[in-house]
């Protein structure tokens, strides 16, 4: 167990004997997710929403003994849906960034994994330094930390944004863009498929706190402090009782929680 997980486990132990009183106020929680981002959130052949984030959210809800309704919500409308009350929370690999914290609040982090650059297998991009991608067209999902990183850190590259990750992958495979930036876990998951055989990771990206934030958390409205406390208690509890590790090991061969 990492030092971060130990700290949360200790905190959870302090509340282990208590009941989740706030659950009386939140018996049902409507949760939005953009189910186009495997292995964190996607849909299986039957249309069911699956993935690491989904399993974590369901485990939290089971721990809290509340009903959670997870709804597929388009990425570009997911924060507006939260703010206007259409949903109560967001579990969608959303990084806790200063910019987003101006609009909404977050729980403690759910995971923290780095970004990387992917390019065609025959690409001459040799790394992730600005000089490596100068003059290149780089894709990223719109309104993500990855798009912000390209915009701010690669001034000599052209940014092309897409509504979903699936769409930049199609353009990358067909040669319409030179590379893309995304979470390394998402990229490796894609590269392991037939569709991803076109491409390779050419470099990882060191996180910039002002851009990438402190990890991905569960988004909530600023005024919903009781819900924030409740979800943090549930998250701490599943880390302490080993359920988080069980979910982690189902998807990854490393600790996605980070240090």
C-alpha atoms as a PDB file:
ATOM      1  CA  UNK A   1       0.000   0.000   0.000  1.00  0.00           C
ATOM      2  CA  UNK A   2       1.345   3.441  -0.943  1.00  0.00           C
ATOM      3  CA  UNK A   3       1.816   6.172   1.674  1.00  0.00           C
ATOM      4  CA  UNK A   4      -1.215   7.994   0.237  1.00  0.00           C
ATOM      5  CA  UNK A   5      -3.394   4.932   0.664  1.00  0.00           C
ATOM      6  CA  UNK A   6      -2.112   4.415   4.216  1.00  0.00           C
ATOM      7  CA  UNK A   7      -3.100   7.957   5.180  1.00  0.00           C
ATOM      8  CA  UNK A   8      -6.601   7.459   3.797  1.00  0.00           C
ATOM      9  CA  UNK A   9      -6.856   4.054   5.474  1.00  0.00           C
ATOM     10  CA  UNK A  10      -6.029   5.620   8.846  1.00  0.00           C
ATOM     11  CA  UNK A  11      -8.623   8.323   8.289  1.00  0.00           C
ATOM     12  CA  UNK A  12     -11.189   5.697   7.386  1.00  0.00           C
ATOM     13  CA  UNK A  13     -10.391   3.728  10.519  1.00  0.00           C
ATOM     14  CA  UNK A  14     -11.350   6.738  12.603  1.00  0.00           C
ATOM     15  CA  UNK A  15     -14.864   6.654  11.165  1.00  0.00           C
ATOM     16  CA  UNK A  16     -15.171   2.891  10.897  1.00  0.00           C
ATOM     17  CA  UNK A  17     -17.437   2.608  13.894  1.00  0.00           C
ATOM     18  CA  UNK A  18     -19.766   5.383  12.827  1.00  0.00           C
ATOM     19  CA  UNK A  19     -22.728   5.361  10.475  1.00  0.00           C
ATOM     20  CA  UNK A  20     -22.898   7.557   7.413  1.00  0.00           C
ATOM     21  CA  UNK A  21     -25.407  10.045   8.807  1.00  0.00           C
ATOM     22  CA  UNK A  22     -25.448  12.143   5.685  1.00  0.00           C
ATOM     23  CA  UNK A  23     -26.812   9.190   3.731  1.00  0.00           C
ATOM     24  CA  UNK A  24     -30.213  10.146   5.122  1.00  0.00           C
ATOM     25  CA  UNK A  25     -30.019  13.296   3.017  1.00  0.00           C
ATOM     26  CA  UNK A  26     -28.694  11.472  -0.052  1.00  0.00           C
ATOM     27  CA  UNK A  27     -30.591   8.232  -0.542  1.00  0.00           C
ATOM     28  CA  UNK A  28     -30.338   8.486  -4.342  1.00  0.00           C
ATOM     29  CA  UNK A  29     -27.448  10.035  -6.293  1.00  0.00           C
ATOM     30  CA  UNK A  30     -27.647  10.668 -10.049  1.00  0.00           C
ATOM     31  CA  UNK A  31     -24.193  10.381 -11.581  1.00  0.00           C
ATOM     32  CA  UNK A  32     -23.096  11.478 -15.046  1.00  0.00           C
ATOM     33  CA  UNK A  33     -20.303   9.842 -17.023  1.00  0.00           C
ATOM     34  CA  UNK A  34     -19.118  10.174 -20.617  1.00  0.00           C
ATOM     35  CA  UNK A  35     -18.953   6.465 -21.439  1.00  0.00           C
ATOM     36  CA  UNK A  36     -16.489   6.802 -24.316  1.00  0.00           C
ATOM     37  CA  UNK A  37     -13.225   6.493 -22.391  1.00  0.00           C
ATOM     38  CA  UNK A  38     -12.148   2.883 -21.796  1.00  0.00           C
ATOM     39  CA  UNK A  39     -10.924   1.409 -19.522  1.00  0.00           C
ATOM     40  CA  UNK A  40     -12.296   4.066 -17.146  1.00  0.00           C
ATOM     41  CA  UNK A  41     -15.834   4.355 -18.551  1.00  0.00           C
ATOM     42  CA  UNK A  42     -17.383   2.814 -21.654  1.00  0.00           C
ATOM     43  CA  UNK A  43     -20.337   0.692 -22.787  1.00  0.00           C
ATOM     44  CA  UNK A  44     -20.331  -3.028 -23.402  1.00  0.00           C
ATOM     45  CA  UNK A  45     -22.167  -4.788 -26.234  1.00  0.00           C
ATOM     46  CA  UNK A  46     -25.428  -4.676 -24.287  1.00  0.00           C
ATOM     47  CA  UNK A  47     -25.133  -0.935 -23.666  1.00  0.00           C
ATOM     48  CA  UNK A  48     -24.303  -1.295 -19.965  1.00  0.00           C
ATOM     49  CA  UNK A  49     -21.858   1.298 -18.619  1.00  0.00           C
ATOM     50  CA  UNK A  50     -18.682  -0.370 -17.363  1.00  0.00           C
ATOM     51  CA  UNK A  51     -15.130   0.511 -16.381  1.00  0.00           C
ATOM     52  CA  UNK A  52     -12.780   1.294 -13.514  1.00  0.00           C
ATOM     53  CA  UNK A  53     -14.521   4.528 -12.515  1.00  0.00           C
ATOM     54  CA  UNK A  54     -17.897   2.812 -12.650  1.00  0.00           C
ATOM     55  CA  UNK A  55     -16.768  -0.058 -10.425  1.00  0.00           C
ATOM     56  CA  UNK A  56     -15.278   2.409  -7.939  1.00  0.00           C
ATOM     57  CA  UNK A  57     -18.467   4.483  -7.913  1.00  0.00           C
ATOM     58  CA  UNK A  58     -20.655   1.426  -7.427  1.00  0.00           C
ATOM     59  CA  UNK A  59     -18.414   0.232  -4.591  1.00  0.00           C
ATOM     60  CA  UNK A  60     -18.721   3.620  -2.883  1.00  0.00           C
ATOM     61  CA  UNK A  61     -22.498   3.539  -3.262  1.00  0.00           C
ATOM     62  CA  UNK A  62     -22.668   0.003  -1.877  1.00  0.00           C
ATOM     63  CA  UNK A  63     -20.544   1.064   1.086  1.00  0.00           C
ATOM     64  CA  UNK A  64     -22.808   4.037   1.764  1.00  0.00           C
ATOM     65  CA  UNK A  65     -25.965   2.008   1.149  1.00  0.00           C
ATOM     66  CA  UNK A  66     -27.357   4.602  -1.243  1.00  0.00           C
ATOM     67  CA  UNK A  67     -28.900   4.134  -4.687  1.00  0.00           C
ATOM     68  CA  UNK A  68     -26.687   5.441  -7.481  1.00  0.00           C
ATOM     69  CA  UNK A  69     -28.054   5.946 -10.982  1.00  0.00           C
ATOM     70  CA  UNK A  70     -25.264   6.282 -13.552  1.00  0.00           C
ATOM     71  CA  UNK A  71     -26.241   8.103 -16.743  1.00  0.00           C
ATOM     72  CA  UNK A  72     -24.294   8.407 -19.996  1.00  0.00           C
ATOM     73  CA  UNK A  73     -23.727  12.152 -20.431  1.00  0.00           C
ATOM     74  CA  UNK A  74     -21.846  13.873 -23.271  1.00  0.00           C
ATOM     75  CA  UNK A  75     -18.528  15.320 -22.135  1.00  0.00           C
ATOM     76  CA  UNK A  76     -19.138  18.841 -23.408  1.00  0.00           C
ATOM     77  CA  UNK A  77     -22.395  19.042 -21.447  1.00  0.00           C
ATOM     78  CA  UNK A  78     -21.444  17.188 -18.291  1.00  0.00           C
ATOM     79  CA  UNK A  79     -20.484  20.176 -16.109  1.00  0.00           C
ATOM     80  CA  UNK A  80     -23.569  22.174 -17.209  1.00  0.00           C
ATOM     81  CA  UNK A  81     -25.700  19.109 -16.367  1.00  0.00           C
ATOM     82  CA  UNK A  82     -24.214  19.095 -12.866  1.00  0.00           C
ATOM     83  CA  UNK A  83     -24.548  22.827 -12.275  1.00  0.00           C
ATOM     84  CA  UNK A  84     -28.181  22.904 -13.437  1.00  0.00           C
ATOM     85  CA  UNK A  85     -29.175  19.923 -11.294  1.00  0.00           C
ATOM     86  CA  UNK A  86     -29.758  17.321 -14.010  1.00  0.00           C
ATOM     87  CA  UNK A  87     -27.184  15.129 -12.245  1.00  0.00           C
ATOM     88  CA  UNK A  88     -25.729  15.234  -8.743  1.00  0.00           C
ATOM     89  CA  UNK A  89     -22.156  14.102  -9.403  1.00  0.00           C
ATOM     90  CA  UNK A  90     -19.656  13.362 -12.173  1.00  0.00           C
ATOM     91  CA  UNK A  91     -17.489  10.228 -12.342  1.00  0.00           C
ATOM     92  CA  UNK A  92     -15.753  10.565 -15.690  1.00  0.00           C
ATOM     93  CA  UNK A  93     -11.963  10.689 -15.358  1.00  0.00           C
ATOM     94  CA  UNK A  94     -12.279  14.414 -14.669  1.00  0.00           C
ATOM     95  CA  UNK A  95      -9.076  15.984 -13.377  1.00  0.00           C
ATOM     96  CA  UNK A  96      -9.261  18.297 -10.370  1.00  0.00           C
ATOM     97  CA  UNK A  97      -7.886  21.457 -11.980  1.00  0.00           C
ATOM     98  CA  UNK A  98      -7.883  25.085 -10.790  1.00  0.00           C
ATOM     99  CA  UNK A  99     -10.021  26.057 -13.789  1.00  0.00           C
ATOM    100  CA  UNK A 100     -12.718  23.493 -13.009  1.00  0.00           C
ATOM    101  CA  UNK A 101     -12.635  24.368  -9.315  1.00  0.00           C
ATOM    102  CA  UNK A 102     -13.902  27.821 -10.275  1.00  0.00           C
ATOM    103  CA  UNK A 103     -17.162  26.170 -11.414  1.00  0.00           C
ATOM    104  CA  UNK A 104     -17.575  23.022  -9.319  1.00  0.00           C
ATOM    105  CA  UNK A 105     -16.025  21.151  -6.407  1.00  0.00           C
ATOM    106  CA  UNK A 106     -14.502  17.677  -6.183  1.00  0.00           C
ATOM    107  CA  UNK A 107     -14.038  14.829  -3.782  1.00  0.00           C
ATOM    108  CA  UNK A 108     -10.605  13.523  -2.938  1.00  0.00           C
ATOM    109  CA  UNK A 109      -8.854  11.992  -5.925  1.00  0.00           C
ATOM    110  CA  UNK A 110     -10.014   8.645  -7.270  1.00  0.00           C
ATOM    111  CA  UNK A 111      -6.842   8.024  -9.274  1.00  0.00           C
ATOM    112  CA  UNK A 112      -3.861   9.822 -10.785  1.00  0.00           C
ATOM    113  CA  UNK A 113      -2.131   8.533 -13.920  1.00  0.00           C
ATOM    114  CA  UNK A 114       0.156  10.406 -16.360  1.00  0.00           C
ATOM    115  CA  UNK A 115      -0.434  11.579 -19.912  1.00  0.00           C
ATOM    116  CA  UNK A 116       1.489  10.504 -22.992  1.00  0.00           C
ATOM    117  CA  UNK A 117       1.825  11.176 -26.713  1.00  0.00           C
ATOM    118  CA  UNK A 118       0.766   8.556 -29.227  1.00  0.00           C
ATOM    119  CA  UNK A 119       1.720   8.635 -32.919  1.00  0.00           C
ATOM    120  CA  UNK A 120       1.697   6.345 -35.959  1.00  0.00           C
ATOM    121  CA  UNK A 121       4.210   3.519 -35.810  1.00  0.00           C
ATOM    122  CA  UNK A 122       6.340   5.097 -38.557  1.00  0.00           C
ATOM    123  CA  UNK A 123       6.242   8.591 -37.022  1.00  0.00           C
ATOM    124  CA  UNK A 124       9.392  10.686 -36.708  1.00  0.00           C
ATOM    125  CA  UNK A 125       8.176  12.159 -33.398  1.00  0.00           C
ATOM    126  CA  UNK A 126      10.930  11.074 -31.019  1.00  0.00           C
ATOM    127  CA  UNK A 127       9.663  12.297 -27.663  1.00  0.00           C
ATOM    128  CA  UNK A 128       7.416  14.681 -25.743  1.00  0.00           C
ATOM    129  CA  UNK A 129       9.558  17.833 -25.744  1.00  0.00           C
ATOM    130  CA  UNK A 130       8.160  20.898 -27.556  1.00  0.00           C
ATOM    131  CA  UNK A 131      10.819  20.538 -30.264  1.00  0.00           C
ATOM    132  CA  UNK A 132       9.725  16.956 -30.931  1.00  0.00           C
ATOM    133  CA  UNK A 133       6.227  18.061 -31.975  1.00  0.00           C
ATOM    134  CA  UNK A 134       6.984  21.420 -33.604  1.00  0.00           C
ATOM    135  CA  UNK A 135       4.996  21.752 -36.811  1.00  0.00           C
ATOM    136  CA  UNK A 136       2.871  18.694 -36.012  1.00  0.00           C
ATOM    137  CA  UNK A 137      -0.929  18.424 -35.743  1.00  0.00           C
ATOM    138  CA  UNK A 138      -1.874  16.968 -32.358  1.00  0.00           C
ATOM    139  CA  UNK A 139      -5.320  15.779 -31.390  1.00  0.00           C
ATOM    140  CA  UNK A 140      -7.055  15.659 -28.009  1.00  0.00           C
ATOM    141  CA  UNK A 141     -10.563  15.443 -26.639  1.00  0.00           C
ATOM    142  CA  UNK A 142     -12.097  18.888 -26.281  1.00  0.00           C
ATOM    143  CA  UNK A 143     -12.140  20.619 -22.869  1.00  0.00           C
ATOM    144  CA  UNK A 144      -9.612  18.218 -21.339  1.00  0.00           C
ATOM    145  CA  UNK A 145      -6.320  18.758 -19.562  1.00  0.00           C
ATOM    146  CA  UNK A 146      -4.678  17.135 -22.578  1.00  0.00           C
ATOM    147  CA  UNK A 147      -6.015  19.792 -24.942  1.00  0.00           C
ATOM    148  CA  UNK A 148      -4.922  22.491 -22.479  1.00  0.00           C
ATOM    149  CA  UNK A 149      -1.446  20.979 -22.291  1.00  0.00           C
ATOM    150  CA  UNK A 150      -1.002  21.028 -26.058  1.00  0.00           C
ATOM    151  CA  UNK A 151      -2.288  24.591 -26.235  1.00  0.00           C
ATOM    152  CA  UNK A 152      -0.043  25.889 -23.459  1.00  0.00           C
ATOM    153  CA  UNK A 153       3.102  23.773 -23.720  1.00  0.00           C
ATOM    154  CA  UNK A 154       3.390  23.103 -27.455  1.00  0.00           C
ATOM    155  CA  UNK A 155       3.149  26.577 -29.061  1.00  0.00           C
ATOM    156  CA  UNK A 156       4.631  25.378 -32.352  1.00  0.00           C
ATOM    157  CA  UNK A 157       2.171  22.506 -32.763  1.00  0.00           C
ATOM    158  CA  UNK A 158      -1.387  22.760 -34.074  1.00  0.00           C
ATOM    159  CA  UNK A 159      -4.142  21.590 -31.710  1.00  0.00           C
ATOM    160  CA  UNK A 160      -7.134  19.768 -33.145  1.00  0.00           C
ATOM    161  CA  UNK A 161      -9.923  18.912 -30.694  1.00  0.00           C
ATOM    162  CA  UNK A 162     -12.572  16.200 -30.861  1.00  0.00           C
ATOM    163  CA  UNK A 163     -15.858  15.564 -29.010  1.00  0.00           C
ATOM    164  CA  UNK A 164     -14.670  12.095 -27.936  1.00  0.00           C
ATOM    165  CA  UNK A 165     -11.426  10.145 -27.761  1.00  0.00           C
ATOM    166  CA  UNK A 166     -12.752   7.699 -30.361  1.00  0.00           C
ATOM    167  CA  UNK A 167     -12.749  10.442 -32.976  1.00  0.00           C
ATOM    168  CA  UNK A 168      -9.127  11.512 -32.566  1.00  0.00           C
ATOM    169  CA  UNK A 169      -8.166   7.826 -32.695  1.00  0.00           C
ATOM    170  CA  UNK A 170      -9.861   7.499 -36.095  1.00  0.00           C
ATOM    171  CA  UNK A 171      -8.039  10.549 -37.442  1.00  0.00           C
ATOM    172  CA  UNK A 172      -4.743   9.325 -36.044  1.00  0.00           C
ATOM    173  CA  UNK A 173      -5.146   5.880 -37.592  1.00  0.00           C
ATOM    174  CA  UNK A 174      -6.069   7.411 -40.957  1.00  0.00           C
ATOM    175  CA  UNK A 175      -3.153   9.860 -40.968  1.00  0.00           C
ATOM    176  CA  UNK A 176      -5.188  13.061 -40.675  1.00  0.00           C
ATOM    177  CA  UNK A 177      -3.250  14.101 -37.573  1.00  0.00           C
ATOM    178  CA  UNK A 178       0.356  13.448 -36.552  1.00  0.00           C
ATOM    179  CA  UNK A 179      -0.189  12.512 -32.928  1.00  0.00           C
ATOM    180  CA  UNK A 180      -2.469  12.778 -29.929  1.00  0.00           C
ATOM    181  CA  UNK A 181      -2.230  13.367 -26.199  1.00  0.00           C
ATOM    182  CA  UNK A 182      -4.243  11.401 -23.654  1.00  0.00           C
ATOM    183  CA  UNK A 183      -3.975   9.426 -20.426  1.00  0.00           C
ATOM    184  CA  UNK A 184      -1.337   6.721 -20.850  1.00  0.00           C
ATOM    185  CA  UNK A 185      -3.733   4.072 -19.509  1.00  0.00           C
ATOM    186  CA  UNK A 186      -6.348   4.954 -22.122  1.00  0.00           C
ATOM    187  CA  UNK A 187      -3.720   4.929 -24.866  1.00  0.00           C
ATOM    188  CA  UNK A 188      -2.221   1.592 -23.838  1.00  0.00           C
ATOM    189  CA  UNK A 189      -5.704   0.079 -23.675  1.00  0.00           C
ATOM    190  CA  UNK A 190      -6.330   1.224 -27.254  1.00  0.00           C
ATOM    191  CA  UNK A 191      -2.891   0.149 -28.534  1.00  0.00           C
ATOM    192  CA  UNK A 192      -3.612  -3.382 -27.333  1.00  0.00           C
ATOM    193  CA  UNK A 193      -6.570  -3.628 -29.759  1.00  0.00           C
ATOM    194  CA  UNK A 194      -6.582  -4.251 -33.510  1.00  0.00           C
ATOM    195  CA  UNK A 195      -7.628  -0.634 -34.111  1.00  0.00           C
ATOM    196  CA  UNK A 196      -4.632   0.610 -32.146  1.00  0.00           C
ATOM    197  CA  UNK A 197      -2.089  -1.509 -34.032  1.00  0.00           C
ATOM    198  CA  UNK A 198      -1.378   1.545 -36.184  1.00  0.00           C
ATOM    199  CA  UNK A 199       0.365   3.444 -33.481  1.00  0.00           C
ATOM    200  CA  UNK A 200       2.836   3.647 -30.601  1.00  0.00           C
ATOM    201  CA  UNK A 201       3.596   5.701 -27.493  1.00  0.00           C
ATOM    202  CA  UNK A 202       6.415   8.117 -28.314  1.00  0.00           C
ATOM    203  CA  UNK A 203       6.793   9.816 -24.948  1.00  0.00           C
ATOM    204  CA  UNK A 204       5.248  10.408 -21.553  1.00  0.00           C
ATOM    205  CA  UNK A 205       4.393  13.849 -20.196  1.00  0.00           C
ATOM    206  CA  UNK A 206       5.502  15.092 -16.795  1.00  0.00           C
ATOM    207  CA  UNK A 207       2.428  16.439 -14.981  1.00  0.00           C
ATOM    208  CA  UNK A 208       2.008  20.189 -14.574  1.00  0.00           C
ATOM    209  CA  UNK A 209      -0.117  20.854 -11.490  1.00  0.00           C
ATOM    210  CA  UNK A 210      -1.688  24.022 -12.908  1.00  0.00           C
ATOM    211  CA  UNK A 211      -2.829  22.080 -15.994  1.00  0.00           C
ATOM    212  CA  UNK A 212      -3.316  18.481 -14.903  1.00  0.00           C
ATOM    213  CA  UNK A 213      -4.422  19.064 -11.327  1.00  0.00           C
ATOM    214  CA  UNK A 214      -3.953  16.611  -8.469  1.00  0.00           C
ATOM    215  CA  UNK A 215      -5.673  13.627 -10.063  1.00  0.00           C
ATOM    216  CA  UNK A 216      -9.181  12.701 -11.168  1.00  0.00           C
ATOM    217  CA  UNK A 217     -12.005  13.066  -8.652  1.00  0.00           C
ATOM    218  CA  UNK A 218     -15.781  12.947  -8.423  1.00  0.00           C
ATOM    219  CA  UNK A 219     -17.268  16.291  -9.441  1.00  0.00           C
ATOM    220  CA  UNK A 220     -20.006  17.835  -7.302  1.00  0.00           C
ATOM    221  CA  UNK A 221     -21.734  21.185  -6.945  1.00  0.00           C
ATOM    222  CA  UNK A 222     -19.954  23.642  -4.647  1.00  0.00           C
ATOM    223  CA  UNK A 223     -22.938  23.899  -2.315  1.00  0.00           C
ATOM    224  CA  UNK A 224     -23.281  20.136  -1.836  1.00  0.00           C
ATOM    225  CA  UNK A 225     -20.821  19.883   1.046  1.00  0.00           C
ATOM    226  CA  UNK A 226     -22.741  17.047   2.716  1.00  0.00           C
ATOM    227  CA  UNK A 227     -22.511  14.996  -0.484  1.00  0.00           C
ATOM    228  CA  UNK A 228     -18.788  15.726  -0.757  1.00  0.00           C
ATOM    229  CA  UNK A 229     -18.219  14.532   2.815  1.00  0.00           C
ATOM    230  CA  UNK A 230     -20.351  11.449   2.212  1.00  0.00           C
ATOM    231  CA  UNK A 231     -18.541  10.423  -0.972  1.00  0.00           C
ATOM    232  CA  UNK A 232     -15.141  11.055   0.620  1.00  0.00           C
ATOM    233  CA  UNK A 233     -16.138   8.775   3.510  1.00  0.00           C
ATOM    234  CA  UNK A 234     -17.189   6.071   1.069  1.00  0.00           C
ATOM    235  CA  UNK A 235     -13.992   6.402  -0.969  1.00  0.00           C
ATOM    236  CA  UNK A 236     -11.823   6.243   2.160  1.00  0.00           C
ATOM    237  CA  UNK A 237     -13.728   3.187   3.352  1.00  0.00           C
ATOM    238  CA  UNK A 238     -13.243   1.154   0.152  1.00  0.00           C
ATOM    239  CA  UNK A 239      -9.546   2.011   0.176  1.00  0.00           C
ATOM    240  CA  UNK A 240      -9.260   0.888   3.802  1.00  0.00           C
ATOM    241  CA  UNK A 241     -11.194  -2.366   3.345  1.00  0.00           C
ATOM    242  CA  UNK A 242      -9.331  -3.454   0.206  1.00  0.00           C
ATOM    243  CA  UNK A 243     -12.187  -3.073  -2.273  1.00  0.00           C
ATOM    244  CA  UNK A 244     -10.359  -0.299  -4.148  1.00  0.00           C
ATOM    245  CA  UNK A 245      -7.287  -2.522  -4.600  1.00  0.00           C
ATOM    246  CA  UNK A 246      -9.493  -5.349  -5.813  1.00  0.00           C
ATOM    247  CA  UNK A 247     -10.980  -3.067  -8.488  1.00  0.00           C
ATOM    248  CA  UNK A 248      -7.554  -1.631  -9.329  1.00  0.00           C
ATOM    249  CA  UNK A 249      -6.101  -5.100  -9.869  1.00  0.00           C
ATOM    250  CA  UNK A 250      -9.023  -6.055 -12.122  1.00  0.00           C
ATOM    251  CA  UNK A 251      -7.982  -3.366 -14.600  1.00  0.00           C
ATOM    252  CA  UNK A 252      -4.301  -2.532 -14.012  1.00  0.00           C
ATOM    253  CA  UNK A 253      -0.998  -4.137 -13.074  1.00  0.00           C
ATOM    254  CA  UNK A 254       0.071  -0.966 -11.217  1.00  0.00           C
ATOM    255  CA  UNK A 255      -1.359   1.325  -8.547  1.00  0.00           C
ATOM    256  CA  UNK A 256      -3.608   3.796 -10.381  1.00  0.00           C
ATOM    257  CA  UNK A 257      -4.173   5.783  -7.189  1.00  0.00           C
ATOM    258  CA  UNK A 258      -0.642   7.209  -7.413  1.00  0.00           C
ATOM    259  CA  UNK A 259       1.545   8.537  -4.641  1.00  0.00           C
END
